[in-house]
Amino acid sequence: SAPDNVSSTTNSHGRGQHLTKIGSAVIRASPLYDSTSGFFVARFEKKRPPSLEDPAEKGSTDSDEPARTAEKKLKKMEKKAKKERRKAKKKEKKDRKKRSNEKDTDEVKRTKKSKKRKTTGTP
């Protein structure tokens, strides 16, 4: 049933003729009272589960592969993701070490240059 401040109506302008069958489910909300800026139409249907006796009714819900295979696929995907995370972590650690070594090398070069300046007296 519609709330008190909105009225249940069907479309009287010829548009949405297919909605006349569900007139009680179509609500016109007033933009002045409901802050909707016009129409809001919703149609809710409860889907019935397919009959267990009739396999033709099942359609795509009937899976060709057993649940155990689906579990295996999920575990395989999780294992692959875990492996990729470990690989990325290892690469990050390697890159950090490389940057650290480069930084150390630069400092050694600066130190040698500084010592050279002190011994030769050149800037």
Foldseek 3Di string as FASTA:
>chain_A
DDDPQKDQADDPPPPPPVCVVVSRQFIWHDCVPPVPVTGDGDDDDDDDQFDPVDPVRNPPVDDPDDVVVVVVVVVVVVVVVVVVVVVVVVVVVVVVVVVVVVVVVVVVVVVVVVVVCVVVVPD
